[in-house]
Amino acid sequence: MLTEVLFFDTLRQGLWVAVLVSIPILTAALITGVSIGLVQALTSVQEMTLTFVPKLAAIVLVFWMSMGFMTQTLVSFFHNRIIPMIIGG
């Protein structure tokens, strides 16, 4: 019973960490996609590949800017949750 609770609690925390780490990149992709879509709708340019390059550039830029936050969050989860479980503490 206790091991199941510990497993599901760790899984829940791991999924929450995954959500926190992915929020900056997904937000950048969403904002860029909506902006380019709005420009396409206003100018009647319906090129499918037009959204790819700006979206990729925004994702790379946001990833580069938030890499420290992502690394710190993942390392903190690993040190505070996973290593004590491996050690047995």
C-alpha atoms as a PDB file:
ATOM      1  CA  MET A   1       0.000   0.000   0.000  1.00  0.00           C
ATOM      2  CA  LEU A   2       2.716   2.460   1.003  1.00  0.00           C
ATOM      3  CA  THR A   3       4.855   1.695  -2.031  1.00  0.00           C
ATOM      4  CA  GLU A   4       1.881   2.321  -4.339  1.00  0.00           C
ATOM      5  CA  VAL A   5       1.199   5.667  -2.687  1.00  0.00           C
ATOM      6  CA  LEU A   6       4.868   6.606  -2.956  1.00  0.00           C
ATOM      7  CA  PHE A   7       4.960   5.525  -6.608  1.00  0.00           C
ATOM      8  CA  PHE A   8       1.865   7.492  -7.599  1.00  0.00           C
ATOM      9  CA  ASP A   9       2.960  10.545  -5.625  1.00  0.00           C
ATOM     10  CA  THR A  10       6.354  10.491  -7.361  1.00  0.00           C
ATOM     11  CA  LEU A  11       4.640  10.022 -10.717  1.00  0.00           C
ATOM     12  CA  ARG A  12       2.347  12.980 -10.002  1.00  0.00           C
ATOM     13  CA  GLN A  13       5.296  15.165  -9.051  1.00  0.00           C
ATOM     14  CA  GLY A  14       7.226  14.039 -12.135  1.00  0.00           C
ATOM     15  CA  LEU A  15       4.322  14.943 -14.399  1.00  0.00           C
ATOM     16  CA  TRP A  16       4.029  18.332 -12.703  1.00  0.00           C
ATOM     17  CA  VAL A  17       7.751  18.962 -13.257  1.00  0.00           C
ATOM     18  CA  ALA A  18       7.278  18.010 -16.925  1.00  0.00           C
ATOM     19  CA  VAL A  19       4.436  20.530 -17.209  1.00  0.00           C
ATOM     20  CA  LEU A  20       6.499  23.273 -15.563  1.00  0.00           C
ATOM     21  CA  VAL A  21       9.481  22.606 -17.814  1.00  0.00           C
ATOM     22  CA  SER A  22       7.402  22.563 -21.008  1.00  0.00           C
ATOM     23  CA  ILE A  23       5.295  25.682 -20.320  1.00  0.00           C
ATOM     24  CA  PRO A  24       7.799  28.270 -21.671  1.00  0.00           C
ATOM     25  CA  ILE A  25       8.360  26.440 -24.966  1.00  0.00           C
ATOM     26  CA  LEU A  26       4.698  25.656 -25.530  1.00  0.00           C
ATOM     27  CA  THR A  27       3.718  29.239 -24.738  1.00  0.00           C
ATOM     28  CA  ALA A  28       6.250  30.584 -27.235  1.00  0.00           C
ATOM     29  CA  ALA A  29       4.999  28.199 -29.922  1.00  0.00           C
ATOM     30  CA  LEU A  30       1.383  29.149 -29.209  1.00  0.00           C
ATOM     31  CA  ILE A  31       1.960  32.900 -29.274  1.00  0.00           C
ATOM     32  CA  THR A  32       4.095  32.711 -32.418  1.00  0.00           C
ATOM     33  CA  GLY A  33       1.622  30.423 -34.180  1.00  0.00           C
ATOM     34  CA  VAL A  34      -1.355  32.638 -33.366  1.00  0.00           C
ATOM     35  CA  SER A  35       0.540  35.774 -34.412  1.00  0.00           C
ATOM     36  CA  ILE A  36       1.642  34.311 -37.740  1.00  0.00           C
ATOM     37  CA  GLY A  37      -1.853  32.911 -38.293  1.00  0.00           C
ATOM     38  CA  LEU A  38      -3.335  36.341 -37.696  1.00  0.00           C
ATOM     39  CA  VAL A  39      -0.907  37.926 -40.162  1.00  0.00           C
ATOM     40  CA  GLN A  40      -1.736  35.223 -42.703  1.00  0.00           C
ATOM     41  CA  ALA A  41      -5.446  35.812 -42.269  1.00  0.00           C
ATOM     42  CA  LEU A  42      -5.071  39.576 -42.618  1.00  0.00           C
ATOM     43  CA  THR A  43      -2.875  39.381 -45.714  1.00  0.00           C
ATOM     44  CA  SER A  44      -4.620  36.359 -47.308  1.00  0.00           C
ATOM     45  CA  VAL A  45      -1.274  34.576 -47.627  1.00  0.00           C
ATOM     46  CA  GLN A  46      -2.005  30.919 -47.008  1.00  0.00           C
ATOM     47  CA  GLU A  47       1.491  29.429 -47.166  1.00  0.00           C
ATOM     48  CA  MET A  48       1.722  26.406 -44.862  1.00  0.00           C
ATOM     49  CA  THR A  49       5.494  26.579 -44.431  1.00  0.00           C
ATOM     50  CA  LEU A  50       5.450  30.242 -43.392  1.00  0.00           C
ATOM     51  CA  THR A  51       4.724  29.393 -39.753  1.00  0.00           C
ATOM     52  CA  PHE A  52       7.500  26.819 -39.410  1.00  0.00           C
ATOM     53  CA  VAL A  53      10.605  29.032 -39.385  1.00  0.00           C
ATOM     54  CA  PRO A  54       9.330  31.760 -36.995  1.00  0.00           C
ATOM     55  CA  LYS A  55       7.911  29.121 -34.669  1.00  0.00           C
ATOM     56  CA  LEU A  56      11.176  27.191 -34.668  1.00  0.00           C
ATOM     57  CA  ALA A  57      13.163  30.384 -34.053  1.00  0.00           C
ATOM     58  CA  ALA A  58      10.891  31.355 -31.144  1.00  0.00           C
ATOM     59  CA  ILE A  59      11.149  27.877 -29.620  1.00  0.00           C
ATOM     60  CA  VAL A  60      14.952  27.861 -29.868  1.00  0.00           C
ATOM     61  CA  LEU A  61      15.174  31.374 -28.394  1.00  0.00           C
ATOM     62  CA  VAL A  62      12.873  30.567 -25.464  1.00  0.00           C
ATOM     63  CA  PHE A  63      14.646  27.262 -24.879  1.00  0.00           C
ATOM     64  CA  TRP A  64      17.989  29.053 -24.761  1.00  0.00           C
ATOM     65  CA  MET A  65      16.614  31.702 -22.361  1.00  0.00           C
ATOM     66  CA  SER A  66      14.880  29.234 -20.019  1.00  0.00           C
ATOM     67  CA  MET A  67      17.487  26.462 -20.095  1.00  0.00           C
ATOM     68  CA  GLY A  68      18.729  27.414 -16.613  1.00  0.00           C
ATOM     69  CA  PHE A  69      15.233  27.230 -15.131  1.00  0.00           C
ATOM     70  CA  MET A  70      14.580  23.886 -16.810  1.00  0.00           C
ATOM     71  CA  THR A  71      17.864  22.402 -15.634  1.00  0.00           C
ATOM     72  CA  GLN A  72      17.415  23.701 -12.099  1.00  0.00           C
ATOM     73  CA  THR A  73      13.876  22.304 -11.900  1.00  0.00           C
ATOM     74  CA  LEU A  74      14.853  18.863 -13.191  1.00  0.00           C
ATOM     75  CA  VAL A  75      17.978  18.604 -11.023  1.00  0.00           C
ATOM     76  CA  SER A  76      16.026  19.723  -7.955  1.00  0.00           C
ATOM     77  CA  PHE A  77      13.363  17.065  -8.570  1.00  0.00           C
ATOM     78  CA  PHE A  78      16.048  14.432  -9.088  1.00  0.00           C
ATOM     79  CA  HIS A  79      18.007  15.349  -5.954  1.00  0.00           C
ATOM     80  CA  ASN A  80      15.006  15.886  -3.670  1.00  0.00           C
ATOM     81  CA  ARG A  81      12.816  13.015  -4.826  1.00  0.00           C
ATOM     82  CA  ILE A  82      14.510  10.373  -6.959  1.00  0.00           C
ATOM     83  CA  ILE A  83      17.909   9.982  -5.236  1.00  0.00           C
ATOM     84  CA  PRO A  84      16.374   9.546  -1.748  1.00  0.00           C
ATOM     85  CA  MET A  85      14.105   6.846  -3.180  1.00  0.00           C
ATOM     86  CA  ILE A  86      17.085   5.053  -4.722  1.00  0.00           C
ATOM     87  CA  ILE A  87      19.086   5.312  -1.501  1.00  0.00           C
ATOM     88  CA  GLY A  88      16.079   4.207   0.500  1.00  0.00           C
ATOM     89  CA  GLY A  89      15.770   7.269   2.690  1.00  0.00           C
END
